[in-house]
């Protein structure tokens, strides 16, 4: 038996289909500072808007479009639904 223990990497979160309705879970996910690819994998039905991406001026009230703020490390550090 080996004295060292091996840890398996954390499994990625299961995708959340549809728009965001569980805000505490979403806020916890954003607090982990995901990459844009991790965001798209976790919330495939939410349109991720990154800085400097052109968008329309329409307002959505169903949490289907997230305007992300990007930290200096290139990860999502916060943002807002609009």
N, C-alpha and C. Protein backbone atom coordinates (compact mmCIF):
# COMPACT_ATOMS: atom_id res chain seq x y z
N UNK A 1 0.82 -1.18 0.00
CA UNK A 1 0.00 0.00 0.00
C UNK A 1 0.87 1.25 0.00
N UNK A 2 0.49 2.21 -0.76
CA UNK A 2 1.25 3.45 -0.85
C UNK A 2 0.90 4.38 0.30
N UNK A 3 1.90 5.08 0.80
CA UNK A 3 1.67 6.00 1.91
C UNK A 3 1.00 7.29 1.43
N UNK A 4 1.15 7.58 0.16
CA UNK A 4 0.54 8.81 -0.35
C UNK A 4 -0.88 8.51 -0.82
N UNK A 5 -1.73 9.47 -0.61
CA UNK A 5 -3.11 9.30 -1.06
C UNK A 5 -3.28 10.04 -2.37
N UNK A 6 -4.05 9.47 -3.25
CA UNK A 6 -4.29 10.14 -4.52
C UNK A 6 -5.71 10.68 -4.52
N UNK A 7 -5.81 11.91 -4.90
CA UNK A 7 -7.12 12.56 -4.97
C UNK A 7 -7.50 12.69 -6.43
N UNK A 8 -8.72 12.34 -6.74
CA UNK A 8 -9.18 12.54 -8.10
C UNK A 8 -9.59 14.00 -8.25
N UNK A 9 -9.41 14.55 -9.45
CA UNK A 9 -9.79 15.95 -9.65
C UNK A 9 -11.29 16.13 -9.46
N UNK A 10 -11.67 17.31 -9.05
CA UNK A 10 -13.08 17.61 -8.82
C UNK A 10 -13.84 17.51 -10.14
N UNK A 11 -14.98 16.87 -10.08
CA UNK A 11 -15.80 16.73 -11.27
C UNK A 11 -16.42 18.08 -11.62
N UNK A 12 -16.50 18.38 -12.92
CA UNK A 12 -17.14 19.65 -13.28
C UNK A 12 -18.61 19.60 -12.89
N UNK A 13 -19.18 20.76 -12.60
CA UNK A 13 -20.59 20.77 -12.22
C UNK A 13 -21.47 20.31 -13.38
N UNK A 14 -22.58 19.70 -13.05
CA UNK A 14 -23.53 19.30 -14.09
C UNK A 14 -24.12 20.54 -14.74
N UNK A 15 -24.34 20.50 -16.05
CA UNK A 15 -24.91 21.67 -16.72
C UNK A 15 -26.30 21.99 -16.18
N UNK A 16 -26.57 23.28 -16.06
CA UNK A 16 -27.88 23.77 -15.63
C UNK A 16 -28.57 24.28 -16.88
N UNK A 17 -29.59 23.54 -17.32
CA UNK A 17 -30.29 23.94 -18.54
C UNK A 17 -31.39 24.93 -18.23
N UNK A 18 -31.69 25.76 -19.22
CA UNK A 18 -32.67 26.81 -19.03
C UNK A 18 -31.99 28.05 -18.47
N UNK A 19 -32.77 28.98 -18.03
CA UNK A 19 -32.23 30.22 -17.51
C UNK A 19 -31.97 30.08 -16.02
N UNK A 20 -31.24 31.01 -15.45
CA UNK A 20 -30.85 30.92 -14.04
C UNK A 20 -32.05 31.26 -13.15
N UNK A 21 -32.41 30.32 -12.29
CA UNK A 21 -33.48 30.54 -11.32
C UNK A 21 -32.97 30.37 -9.89
N UNK A 22 -31.90 29.61 -9.71
CA UNK A 22 -31.32 29.39 -8.38
C UNK A 22 -30.16 30.36 -8.20
N UNK A 23 -30.47 31.56 -7.75
CA UNK A 23 -29.44 32.59 -7.62
C UNK A 23 -28.35 32.26 -6.60
N UNK A 24 -28.67 31.66 -5.43
CA UNK A 24 -27.58 31.30 -4.52
C UNK A 24 -26.57 30.33 -5.14
N UNK A 25 -27.05 29.35 -5.89
CA UNK A 25 -26.15 28.41 -6.56
C UNK A 25 -25.33 29.12 -7.64
N UNK A 26 -25.98 30.02 -8.37
CA UNK A 26 -25.27 30.76 -9.41
C UNK A 26 -24.20 31.66 -8.79
N UNK A 27 -24.56 32.37 -7.73
CA UNK A 27 -23.58 33.24 -7.06
C UNK A 27 -22.40 32.43 -6.53
N UNK A 28 -22.65 31.25 -6.00
CA UNK A 28 -21.56 30.38 -5.51
C UNK A 28 -20.66 29.95 -6.67
N UNK A 29 -21.27 29.67 -7.81
CA UNK A 29 -20.49 29.29 -9.00
C UNK A 29 -19.61 30.46 -9.44
N UNK A 30 -20.15 31.65 -9.51
CA UNK A 30 -19.37 32.83 -9.92
C UNK A 30 -18.26 33.12 -8.91
N UNK A 31 -18.52 32.87 -7.63
CA UNK A 31 -17.50 33.11 -6.59
C UNK A 31 -16.27 32.22 -6.79
N UNK A 32 -16.43 31.11 -7.50
CA UNK A 32 -15.28 30.23 -7.80
C UNK A 32 -14.40 30.80 -8.91
N UNK A 33 -14.83 31.92 -9.52
CA UNK A 33 -14.09 32.59 -10.59
C UNK A 33 -13.86 31.66 -11.78
N UNK A 34 -14.96 31.25 -12.43
CA UNK A 34 -14.83 30.33 -13.56
C UNK A 34 -14.25 31.03 -14.79
N UNK A 35 -13.74 30.22 -15.71
CA UNK A 35 -13.34 30.75 -17.01
C UNK A 35 -14.61 30.87 -17.86
N UNK A 36 -14.50 31.53 -18.98
CA UNK A 36 -15.65 31.65 -19.89
C UNK A 36 -16.09 30.26 -20.36
N UNK A 37 -15.15 29.38 -20.64
CA UNK A 37 -15.50 28.03 -21.08
C UNK A 37 -16.21 27.25 -19.98
N UNK A 38 -15.76 27.41 -18.74
CA UNK A 38 -16.43 26.74 -17.62
C UNK A 38 -17.85 27.28 -17.45
N UNK A 39 -18.02 28.59 -17.62
CA UNK A 39 -19.36 29.18 -17.53
C UNK A 39 -20.26 28.58 -18.59
N UNK A 40 -19.79 28.55 -19.84
CA UNK A 40 -20.62 28.03 -20.93
C UNK A 40 -20.96 26.56 -20.74
N UNK A 41 -20.05 25.79 -20.15
CA UNK A 41 -20.33 24.38 -19.89
C UNK A 41 -21.35 24.22 -18.77
N UNK A 42 -21.27 25.06 -17.76
CA UNK A 42 -22.17 24.95 -16.61
C UNK A 42 -23.55 25.52 -16.90
N UNK A 43 -23.62 26.58 -17.70
CA UNK A 43 -24.89 27.27 -18.01
C UNK A 43 -25.00 27.42 -19.53
N UNK A 44 -25.22 26.31 -20.25
CA UNK A 44 -25.19 26.37 -21.71
C UNK A 44 -26.31 27.20 -22.34
N UNK A 45 -27.39 27.44 -21.63
CA UNK A 45 -28.51 28.20 -22.18
C UNK A 45 -28.47 29.68 -21.84
N UNK A 46 -27.47 30.10 -21.08
CA UNK A 46 -27.32 31.51 -20.72
C UNK A 46 -26.28 32.13 -21.65
N UNK A 47 -26.64 33.21 -22.30
CA UNK A 47 -25.72 33.89 -23.20
C UNK A 47 -24.70 34.67 -22.37
N UNK A 48 -23.44 34.32 -22.51
CA UNK A 48 -22.36 34.99 -21.79
C UNK A 48 -21.84 36.14 -22.63
N UNK A 49 -21.91 37.33 -22.08
CA UNK A 49 -21.41 38.53 -22.76
C UNK A 49 -20.12 38.94 -22.07
N UNK A 50 -19.03 38.93 -22.82
CA UNK A 50 -17.73 39.34 -22.28
C UNK A 50 -17.48 40.80 -22.62
N UNK A 51 -16.57 41.44 -21.88
CA UNK A 51 -16.27 42.85 -22.17
C UNK A 51 -15.91 43.05 -23.64
N UNK A 52 -16.36 44.15 -24.19
CA UNK A 52 -16.10 44.57 -25.57
C UNK A 52 -16.82 43.73 -26.62
N UNK A 53 -17.77 42.87 -26.20
CA UNK A 53 -18.59 42.15 -27.17
C UNK A 53 -19.76 43.04 -27.56
N UNK A 54 -20.05 43.17 -28.86
CA UNK A 54 -21.22 43.97 -29.25
C UNK A 54 -22.51 43.25 -28.87
N UNK A 55 -23.47 44.01 -28.39
CA UNK A 55 -24.76 43.44 -28.01
C UNK A 55 -25.88 44.38 -28.43
N UNK A 56 -27.08 43.87 -28.38
CA UNK A 56 -28.25 44.70 -28.64
C UNK A 56 -28.63 45.40 -27.33
N UNK A 57 -29.49 46.37 -27.41
CA UNK A 57 -29.90 47.12 -26.23
C UNK A 57 -31.14 46.54 -25.55
N UNK A 58 -31.61 45.40 -26.02
CA UNK A 58 -32.82 44.82 -25.44
C UNK A 58 -32.61 44.48 -23.96
N UNK A 59 -33.68 44.58 -23.21
CA UNK A 59 -33.65 44.19 -21.80
C UNK A 59 -34.30 42.82 -21.67
N UNK A 60 -33.64 41.93 -20.95
CA UNK A 60 -34.20 40.62 -20.66
C UNK A 60 -34.40 40.52 -19.16
N UNK A 61 -35.53 40.02 -18.78
CA UNK A 61 -35.86 39.93 -17.35
C UNK A 61 -35.91 38.47 -16.88
N UNK A 62 -35.33 37.56 -17.65
CA UNK A 62 -35.41 36.14 -17.31
C UNK A 62 -34.05 35.50 -17.01
N UNK A 63 -33.05 36.29 -16.71
CA UNK A 63 -31.71 35.79 -16.38
C UNK A 63 -31.16 34.89 -17.48
N UNK A 64 -31.29 35.34 -18.72
CA UNK A 64 -30.81 34.56 -19.86
C UNK A 64 -29.57 35.16 -20.53
N UNK A 65 -29.15 36.33 -20.06
CA UNK A 65 -27.97 36.99 -20.64
C UNK A 65 -27.15 37.61 -19.51
N UNK A 66 -25.91 37.12 -19.37
CA UNK A 66 -25.05 37.54 -18.26
C UNK A 66 -23.87 38.34 -18.80
N UNK A 67 -23.76 39.59 -18.31
CA UNK A 67 -22.65 40.46 -18.68
C UNK A 67 -21.55 40.27 -17.64
N UNK A 68 -20.50 39.60 -18.04
CA UNK A 68 -19.43 39.23 -17.10
C UNK A 68 -18.40 40.33 -16.95
N UNK A 69 -17.87 40.42 -15.74
CA UNK A 69 -16.69 41.24 -15.46
C UNK A 69 -15.53 40.26 -15.38
N UNK A 70 -14.41 40.63 -15.99
CA UNK A 70 -13.25 39.75 -16.05
C UNK A 70 -12.13 40.33 -15.19
N UNK A 71 -11.58 39.49 -14.31
CA UNK A 71 -10.47 39.92 -13.47
C UNK A 71 -9.15 39.92 -14.23
N UNK A 72 -8.11 40.37 -13.58
CA UNK A 72 -6.79 40.43 -14.23
C UNK A 72 -6.25 39.05 -14.58
N UNK A 73 -6.81 38.00 -13.95
CA UNK A 73 -6.39 36.63 -14.25
C UNK A 73 -7.15 36.03 -15.43
N UNK A 74 -8.05 36.82 -16.04
CA UNK A 74 -8.81 36.35 -17.19
C UNK A 74 -10.03 35.52 -16.83
N UNK A 75 -10.37 35.46 -15.55
CA UNK A 75 -11.53 34.68 -15.10
C UNK A 75 -12.69 35.62 -14.76
N UNK A 76 -13.89 35.06 -14.76
CA UNK A 76 -15.07 35.84 -14.44
C UNK A 76 -15.05 36.18 -12.96
N UNK A 77 -15.11 37.45 -12.65
CA UNK A 77 -15.03 37.90 -11.26
C UNK A 77 -16.35 38.44 -10.74
N UNK A 78 -17.33 38.56 -11.60
CA UNK A 78 -18.63 39.08 -11.24
C UNK A 78 -19.38 39.45 -12.50
N UNK A 79 -20.44 40.20 -12.33
CA UNK A 79 -21.20 40.63 -13.50
C UNK A 79 -22.64 40.87 -13.13
N UNK A 80 -23.50 40.91 -14.16
CA UNK A 80 -24.92 41.20 -13.93
C UNK A 80 -25.74 40.60 -15.05
N UNK A 81 -26.97 40.31 -14.74
CA UNK A 81 -27.93 39.90 -15.75
C UNK A 81 -28.56 41.17 -16.30
N UNK A 82 -28.86 41.16 -17.60
CA UNK A 82 -29.51 42.30 -18.21
C UNK A 82 -30.31 41.84 -19.40
